[in-house]
Amino acid sequence: MMNEFTLGIEEEYMVIDPVTRELTSHDQKIVEAAQKIHKDQVKAEMHQAVVEVGTGICKTTTEARKEISQLRYTVSQLAGEQGLRIGAAGTHPFSHWEKQLITEHPRYNEIVNELQEAARSNLIFGLHVHVGFQSRELAIHIANQVRYFLPHVFALSTNSPFWESRNTGYKSFRTKIFDKFPRTGIPDIFNSIEDYDNYVKLLIKTNCMDNAKKIWWDIRVHPFFDTVEFRICDCPMLIDETMAFTALFQALCAKLYKLRLQNMEFISYSRALINENKWRAARYGIDGNLIDFGKEMEVNCRNLILELLDFVDDVVDDLGCRDDINYVHKILEHGTGADRQLAVYQQTGNFEAVVDYITTQTLIGAK
């Protein structure tokens, strides 16, 4: 039986005051109004200035695009009715976390109580892409191998160069903020799904966590769904970017599965090596060099991304995601969200202008 590689997309949006351009609490009014239209596809997050949306299970990137476009549009319209705007980026350019309210909910209270300032300062916005598998055994096998490619896609998604009115020098500072949490970053290799489940059981037994949702790695076999969940990307400014990364993750899973059917597999590299590439991607985005561990040498990141597109090319048409994946070439041409934010700031010297740019770009193609 062929695996279907179904898709689900989650995005986290900033809620912005259009006058001050600061992050602001929407007092859950956007979520309450949106749930009347999209039910549980719109949720509150830990900070009150965040709205999270999630598609249903989609068969293709075309279907997923339609849903994420509708969700961005609905949330934006409802925000407008409250006199607010939404924006899609990994961090807000200048708002300070100390001023932001925490959502009143037992789960968030418990996380803040345990993680303290690491949780309160975790004012970041990500993209999560789920790819469906017919079994958790297959999911862990593919997750082990696909880890190598995470920094490549992450480099394309970098969209958080600013933090609290500072140019951080990173293309993705979001990941640096999230590093303060336990159980984040690139995971180790697990030899089997039992190996992974035993790890989870041990952590629950020893009160490290109460459930597997408190594993916040860049990729995980989802605790409740038969999906591999990709969690490394900054929330992209453009719907086209979200769909390009979704298509890439889907194609990578399909390609690695195809190799498995031919009794071949991609090398599973160690977390320590992949972390070197993740750091470079966070710092330089697509303008640096990543390490090609096969050749044991540095290679221009853009060239590695082109090689990645070649690697998955033979599964793209079967998946029907060629148009979405082709947008990667546009990102290589126009720059990542971080590059474009930096360009606006260089032209204007003004963080408010960067926020206006983000909120405008967020709605391109939303309907």
Protein backbone atom coordinates (compact mmCIF):
# COMPACT_ATOMS: atom_id res chain seq x y z
CA MET A 1 0.00 0.00 0.00
CA MET A 2 1.33 3.44 -0.96
CA ASN A 3 1.62 6.02 1.79
CA GLU A 4 -0.68 9.01 1.18
CA PHE A 5 1.52 11.78 2.72
CA THR A 6 -1.49 13.79 3.84
CA LEU A 7 -0.81 17.29 5.14
CA GLY A 8 -1.74 19.57 8.00
CA ILE A 9 -0.42 23.10 8.56
CA GLU A 10 -0.37 25.15 11.76
CA GLU A 11 0.65 28.81 11.84
CA GLU A 12 1.01 31.25 14.74
CA TYR A 13 0.19 34.92 14.06
CA MET A 14 1.05 38.12 15.88
CA VAL A 15 -1.88 40.29 16.99
CA ILE A 16 -0.90 43.92 16.43
CA ASP A 17 -2.24 47.32 17.44
CA PRO A 18 -2.40 49.25 14.12
CA VAL A 19 -1.59 52.58 15.81
CA THR A 20 1.42 51.68 17.99
CA ARG A 21 2.34 48.57 15.93
CA GLU A 22 2.96 46.82 19.26
CA LEU A 23 1.88 43.28 20.03
CA THR A 24 -1.38 43.44 21.93
CA SER A 25 -3.82 41.15 23.71
CA HIS A 26 -6.95 40.37 21.72
CA ASP A 27 -8.58 39.10 24.93
CA GLN A 28 -9.43 35.87 23.00
CA LYS A 29 -12.14 37.76 21.08
CA ILE A 30 -10.60 36.84 17.69
CA VAL A 31 -10.42 33.18 18.70
CA GLU A 32 -14.00 33.13 20.01
CA ALA A 33 -15.36 34.74 16.84
CA ALA A 34 -13.24 32.54 14.55
CA GLN A 35 -14.36 29.34 16.28
CA LYS A 36 -17.93 30.10 15.22
CA ILE A 37 -16.71 29.85 11.60
CA HIS A 38 -13.79 27.39 11.73
CA LYS A 39 -14.54 25.50 15.00
CA ASP A 40 -11.36 24.23 16.64
CA GLN A 41 -9.13 25.27 13.72
CA VAL A 42 -8.40 28.56 15.51
CA LYS A 43 -6.90 28.43 19.01
CA ALA A 44 -5.47 30.60 21.73
CA GLU A 45 -1.76 30.31 22.55
CA MET A 46 0.22 30.92 25.73
CA HIS A 47 0.61 34.65 25.10
CA GLN A 48 -2.55 36.66 24.47
CA ALA A 49 -0.95 38.41 21.49
CA VAL A 50 -0.84 35.11 19.56
CA VAL A 51 -3.52 33.39 17.47
CA GLU A 52 -2.86 29.87 16.21
CA VAL A 53 -4.61 28.37 13.20
CA GLY A 54 -4.55 24.84 11.84
CA THR A 55 -5.89 23.27 8.66
CA GLY A 56 -7.77 19.99 8.60
CA ILE A 57 -6.18 16.91 7.03
CA CYS A 58 -5.42 17.84 3.41
CA LYS A 59 -4.56 15.42 0.59
CA THR A 60 -2.52 17.92 -1.47
CA THR A 61 -0.72 21.23 -1.13
CA THR A 62 -3.47 22.76 -3.33
CA GLU A 63 -6.07 21.80 -0.74
CA ALA A 64 -3.85 22.99 2.12
CA ARG A 65 -3.23 26.33 0.39
CA LYS A 66 -6.97 26.93 0.10
CA GLU A 67 -7.45 26.27 3.81
CA ILE A 68 -4.52 28.34 5.07
CA SER A 69 -5.58 31.24 2.78
CA GLN A 70 -9.10 31.12 4.25
CA LEU A 71 -7.77 30.95 7.80
CA ARG A 72 -5.46 33.93 7.32
CA TYR A 73 -8.32 35.86 5.75
CA THR A 74 -10.87 35.03 8.47
CA VAL A 75 -8.49 35.81 11.34
CA SER A 76 -7.49 39.07 9.66
CA GLN A 77 -11.14 40.15 9.09
CA LEU A 78 -12.08 39.33 12.68
CA ALA A 79 -8.98 41.13 13.98
CA GLY A 80 -10.03 44.14 11.89
CA GLU A 81 -13.44 44.13 13.56
CA GLN A 82 -11.65 44.43 16.92
CA GLY A 83 -9.53 47.30 15.53
CA LEU A 84 -6.47 45.04 15.29
CA ARG A 85 -4.21 43.54 12.60
CA ILE A 86 -2.38 40.24 12.22
CA GLY A 87 1.17 39.63 11.09
CA ALA A 88 3.21 36.55 10.19
CA ALA A 89 6.86 36.54 11.29
CA GLY A 90 9.03 34.55 13.69
CA THR A 91 9.38 37.43 16.17
CA HIS A 92 7.91 40.91 16.54
CA PRO A 93 10.55 43.53 15.63
CA PHE A 94 10.32 45.60 18.81
CA SER A 95 7.66 44.56 21.36
CA HIS A 96 8.96 43.47 24.77
CA TRP A 97 7.73 40.20 26.23
CA GLU A 98 7.55 41.64 29.76
CA LYS A 99 4.51 43.68 28.74
CA GLN A 100 2.60 40.77 27.21
CA LEU A 101 -0.20 38.97 29.04
CA ILE A 102 -0.31 35.19 29.48
CA THR A 103 -3.53 33.39 28.52
CA GLU A 104 -5.40 32.16 31.59
CA HIS A 105 -5.41 28.38 31.20
CA PRO A 106 -4.25 25.56 33.54
CA ARG A 107 -1.80 24.16 30.95
CA TYR A 108 -0.14 27.55 30.35
CA ASN A 109 -0.05 28.36 34.07
CA GLU A 110 1.68 25.04 34.68
CA ILE A 111 4.27 25.64 31.90
CA VAL A 112 5.01 29.17 33.17
CA ASN A 113 5.25 27.87 36.74
CA GLU A 114 7.76 25.21 35.68
CA LEU A 115 9.80 27.05 33.05
CA GLN A 116 9.54 30.54 34.55
CA GLU A 117 11.21 33.28 32.46
CA ALA A 118 12.02 30.86 29.64
CA ALA A 119 8.24 30.48 29.14
CA ARG A 120 7.28 34.12 29.73
CA SER A 121 9.90 35.34 27.24
CA ASN A 122 8.94 32.73 24.63
CA LEU A 123 7.14 35.29 22.47
CA ILE A 124 7.78 33.59 19.15
CA PHE A 125 5.76 32.44 16.16
CA GLY A 126 6.32 29.23 14.22
CA LEU A 127 5.07 27.09 11.38
CA HIS A 128 4.33 23.41 12.01
CA VAL A 129 3.78 21.05 9.08
CA HIS A 130 2.37 17.55 9.59
CA VAL A 131 2.96 14.82 7.01
CA GLY A 132 0.82 11.70 7.45
CA PHE A 133 2.14 8.13 7.55
CA GLN A 134 0.39 4.77 7.53
CA SER A 135 2.23 3.70 10.68
CA ARG A 136 4.30 5.20 13.49
CA GLU A 137 7.03 2.63 12.70
CA LEU A 138 7.44 4.11 9.22
CA ALA A 139 7.17 7.66 10.62
CA ILE A 140 10.14 7.24 13.00
CA HIS A 141 12.23 5.65 10.23
CA ILE A 142 11.65 8.62 7.89
CA ALA A 143 12.03 11.17 10.73
CA ASN A 144 15.53 9.84 11.50
CA GLN A 145 16.72 10.44 7.93
CA VAL A 146 14.87 13.66 7.13
CA ARG A 147 16.58 15.39 10.09
CA TYR A 148 19.57 16.06 7.85
CA PHE A 149 17.50 18.32 5.58
CA LEU A 150 15.90 20.41 8.32
CA PRO A 151 18.55 23.19 8.29
CA HIS A 152 18.16 23.59 4.50
CA VAL A 153 14.42 24.26 4.69
CA PHE A 154 14.88 26.28 7.90
CA ALA A 155 17.39 28.57 6.11
CA LEU A 156 14.69 29.36 3.52
CA SER A 157 12.14 30.10 6.26
CA THR A 158 14.24 32.49 8.37
CA ASN A 159 11.96 35.39 9.28
CA SER A 160 13.01 36.78 12.68
CA PRO A 161 16.05 39.08 12.46
CA PHE A 162 14.85 41.55 15.12
CA TRP A 163 14.20 41.18 18.85
CA GLU A 164 13.13 43.99 21.21
CA SER A 165 14.23 46.80 18.82
CA ARG A 166 17.60 45.23 18.07
CA ASN A 167 19.03 43.81 14.88
CA THR A 168 20.24 40.52 16.38
CA GLY A 169 22.63 39.68 13.55
CA TYR A 170 20.69 36.41 13.11
CA LYS A 171 18.31 35.65 10.28
CA SER A 172 16.27 33.56 12.75
CA PHE A 173 16.52 34.73 16.34
CA ARG A 174 13.30 32.85 17.13
CA THR A 175 15.22 29.58 17.42
CA LYS A 176 17.69 31.15 19.86
CA ILE A 177 14.81 32.19 22.12
CA PHE A 178 13.21 28.76 21.95
CA ASP A 179 16.51 27.05 22.82
CA LYS A 180 15.87 28.06 26.45
CA PHE A 181 13.12 25.40 26.63
CA PRO A 182 13.98 21.80 27.50
CA ARG A 183 13.58 19.13 24.79
CA THR A 184 14.07 21.48 21.84
CA GLY A 185 16.27 21.43 18.74
CA ILE A 186 17.29 18.53 16.54
CA PRO A 187 16.41 15.16 18.16
CA ASP A 188 18.63 12.12 18.41
CA ILE A 189 18.13 9.06 16.22
CA PHE A 190 15.65 6.47 17.56
CA ASN A 191 16.23 2.89 16.43
CA SER A 192 12.55 2.01 16.50
CA ILE A 193 9.18 3.37 17.54
CA GLU A 194 9.51 1.26 20.72
CA ASP A 195 12.81 3.02 21.44
CA TYR A 196 11.02 6.38 21.13
CA ASP A 197 7.99 5.27 23.17
CA ASN A 198 10.27 3.98 25.94
CA TYR A 199 12.02 7.36 26.03
CA VAL A 200 8.64 9.08 26.41
CA LYS A 201 7.51 6.62 29.13
CA LEU A 202 10.74 7.16 31.10
CA LEU A 203 10.32 10.95 31.02
CA ILE A 204 6.70 10.69 32.16
CA LYS A 205 7.57 8.14 34.87
CA THR A 206 10.33 10.41 36.25
CA ASN A 207 8.14 13.56 36.20
CA CYS A 208 10.18 15.30 33.50
CA MET A 209 6.89 15.89 31.70
CA ASP A 210 3.28 14.75 31.98
CA ASN A 211 2.73 13.99 28.28
CA ALA A 212 4.62 13.74 24.99
CA LYS A 213 3.33 17.14 23.77
CA LYS A 214 6.04 18.63 25.98
CA ILE A 215 8.62 17.33 23.52
CA TRP A 216 9.29 20.48 21.52
CA TRP A 217 11.90 19.22 19.04
CA ASP A 218 12.32 20.59 15.51
CA ILE A 219 10.79 17.35 14.26
CA ARG A 220 8.81 14.73 16.13
CA VAL A 221 6.60 11.76 15.53
CA HIS A 222 3.37 13.26 16.83
CA PRO A 223 2.18 11.78 20.14
CA PHE A 224 -1.47 11.42 19.01
CA PHE A 225 -1.54 11.44 15.20
CA ASP A 226 0.30 9.21 12.73
CA THR A 227 2.30 12.14 11.43
CA VAL A 228 5.82 13.44 11.31
CA GLU A 229 5.57 17.03 12.54
CA PHE A 230 8.13 19.52 11.20
CA ARG A 231 8.50 22.35 13.74
CA ILE A 232 11.76 24.08 12.77
CA CYS A 233 10.48 26.92 10.53
CA ASP A 234 9.75 30.51 11.50
CA CYS A 235 6.19 31.50 10.66
CA PRO A 236 6.48 32.64 7.02
CA MET A 237 5.30 36.07 5.93
CA LEU A 238 3.78 34.90 2.66
CA ILE A 239 1.29 32.11 2.02
CA ASP A 240 3.46 31.18 -1.00
CA GLU A 241 6.38 30.60 1.38
CA THR A 242 4.32 28.45 3.75
CA MET A 243 3.23 26.33 0.81
CA ALA A 244 6.77 26.00 -0.56
CA PHE A 245 8.03 24.64 2.78
CA THR A 246 5.01 22.35 3.13
CA ALA A 247 5.64 20.99 -0.37
CA LEU A 248 9.35 20.47 0.44
CA PHE A 249 8.59 18.53 3.62
CA GLN A 250 5.99 16.41 1.83
CA ALA A 251 8.36 15.71 -1.08
CA LEU A 252 11.24 14.80 1.25
CA CYS A 253 9.06 12.26 3.08
CA ALA A 254 7.84 10.79 -0.22
CA LYS A 255 11.39 10.58 -1.62
CA LEU A 256 12.81 8.87 1.47
CA TYR A 257 9.87 6.45 1.43
CA LYS A 258 10.51 5.70 -2.24
CA LEU A 259 14.17 4.93 -1.45
CA ARG A 260 13.04 2.63 1.36
CA LEU A 261 10.83 0.69 -1.08
CA GLN A 262 13.99 0.19 -3.19
CA ASN A 263 15.86 -1.06 -0.09
CA MET A 264 17.92 2.13 0.07
CA GLU A 265 18.12 4.78 2.67
CA PHE A 266 19.64 8.19 3.24
CA ILE A 267 22.38 8.32 5.88
CA SER A 268 21.09 9.25 9.35
CA TYR A 269 23.58 11.84 10.62
CA SER A 270 24.19 12.60 14.28
CA ARG A 271 22.44 15.43 16.07
CA ALA A 272 25.84 17.04 16.77
CA LEU A 273 26.60 17.36 13.04
CA ILE A 274 23.13 18.51 11.97
CA ASN A 275 23.25 21.15 14.74
CA GLU A 276 26.24 22.78 13.03
CA ASN A 277 24.11 23.37 9.94
CA LYS A 278 21.15 24.53 12.00
CA TRP A 279 23.30 27.16 13.69
CA ARG A 280 24.60 28.41 10.34
CA ALA A 281 21.07 28.55 8.93
CA ALA A 282 19.86 30.57 11.95
CA ARG A 283 22.78 32.99 11.66
CA TYR A 284 23.11 33.47 7.90
CA GLY A 285 19.85 32.19 6.35
CA ILE A 286 20.44 31.33 2.68
CA ASP A 287 23.52 33.61 2.44
CA GLY A 288 25.96 31.37 4.28
CA ASN A 289 27.59 28.00 3.72
CA LEU A 290 26.22 24.74 5.06
CA ILE A 291 28.31 21.60 5.49
CA ASP A 292 27.87 18.75 3.05
CA PHE A 293 28.72 15.89 5.40
CA GLY A 294 29.03 13.39 2.56
CA LYS A 295 31.78 15.49 0.93
CA GLU A 296 33.05 16.78 4.30
CA MET A 297 33.21 20.34 3.01
CA GLU A 298 31.41 23.66 3.17
CA VAL A 299 29.00 24.34 0.31
CA ASN A 300 27.07 27.50 -0.55
CA CYS A 301 23.63 27.15 1.04
CA ARG A 302 21.81 28.15 -2.17
CA ASN A 303 23.60 25.39 -4.09
CA LEU A 304 22.63 22.83 -1.46
CA ILE A 305 19.00 23.95 -1.73
CA LEU A 306 19.14 23.49 -5.51
CA GLU A 307 20.61 20.01 -4.93
CA LEU A 308 17.74 19.31 -2.52
CA LEU A 309 15.22 20.30 -5.22
CA ASP A 310 16.96 17.87 -7.61
CA PHE A 311 16.90 15.13 -4.96
CA VAL A 312 13.08 15.27 -4.59
CA ASP A 313 12.28 16.09 -8.22
CA ASP A 314 11.13 12.59 -9.20
CA VAL A 315 8.29 12.53 -6.62
CA VAL A 316 7.01 16.11 -7.03
CA ASP A 317 4.65 15.56 -9.96
CA ASP A 318 3.04 12.49 -8.37
CA LEU A 319 2.33 14.62 -5.30
CA GLY A 320 1.01 17.46 -7.45
CA CYS A 321 3.07 20.08 -5.61
CA ARG A 322 5.38 21.35 -8.38
CA ASP A 323 3.96 24.88 -8.48
CA ASP A 324 4.35 25.22 -4.72
CA ILE A 325 7.87 23.80 -4.61
CA ASN A 326 8.95 26.01 -7.52
CA TYR A 327 8.40 29.05 -5.30
CA VAL A 328 11.71 28.13 -3.63
CA HIS A 329 13.43 29.69 -6.68
CA LYS A 330 11.61 32.97 -5.94
CA ILE A 331 12.86 32.90 -2.33
CA LEU A 332 16.43 32.38 -3.59
CA GLU A 333 15.89 35.40 -5.87
CA HIS A 334 14.01 37.81 -3.54
CA GLY A 335 15.46 36.72 -0.20
CA THR A 336 13.86 35.16 2.86
CA GLY A 337 11.41 36.98 5.12
CA ALA A 338 14.38 38.01 7.28
CA ASP A 339 16.24 39.45 4.28
CA ARG A 340 13.18 41.47 3.28
CA GLN A 341 12.56 42.73 6.81
CA LEU A 342 16.19 43.85 7.04
CA ALA A 343 15.91 45.62 3.66
CA VAL A 344 12.85 47.60 4.84
CA TYR A 345 14.65 48.57 8.04
CA GLN A 346 17.77 49.64 6.14
CA GLN A 347 15.64 51.83 3.84
CA THR A 348 13.54 53.42 6.60
CA GLY A 349 15.49 53.06 9.87
CA ASN A 350 12.05 52.48 11.33
CA PHE A 351 10.70 49.36 13.07
CA GLU A 352 7.08 50.51 12.62
CA ALA A 353 7.67 50.40 8.86
CA VAL A 354 8.90 46.80 9.22
CA VAL A 355 5.69 45.88 11.07
CA ASP A 356 3.57 47.53 8.37
CA TYR A 357 5.49 45.59 5.72
CA ILE A 358 4.89 42.29 7.60
CA THR A 359 1.14 42.89 8.08
CA THR A 360 0.70 43.80 4.40
CA GLN A 361 2.63 40.75 3.14
CA THR A 362 0.72 38.44 5.50
CA LEU A 363 -2.52 39.04 3.58
CA ILE A 364 -1.22 38.56 0.03
CA GLY A 365 -3.30 35.74 -1.43
CA ALA A 366 -5.51 35.43 1.67
CA LYS A 367 -9.16 34.92 0.74
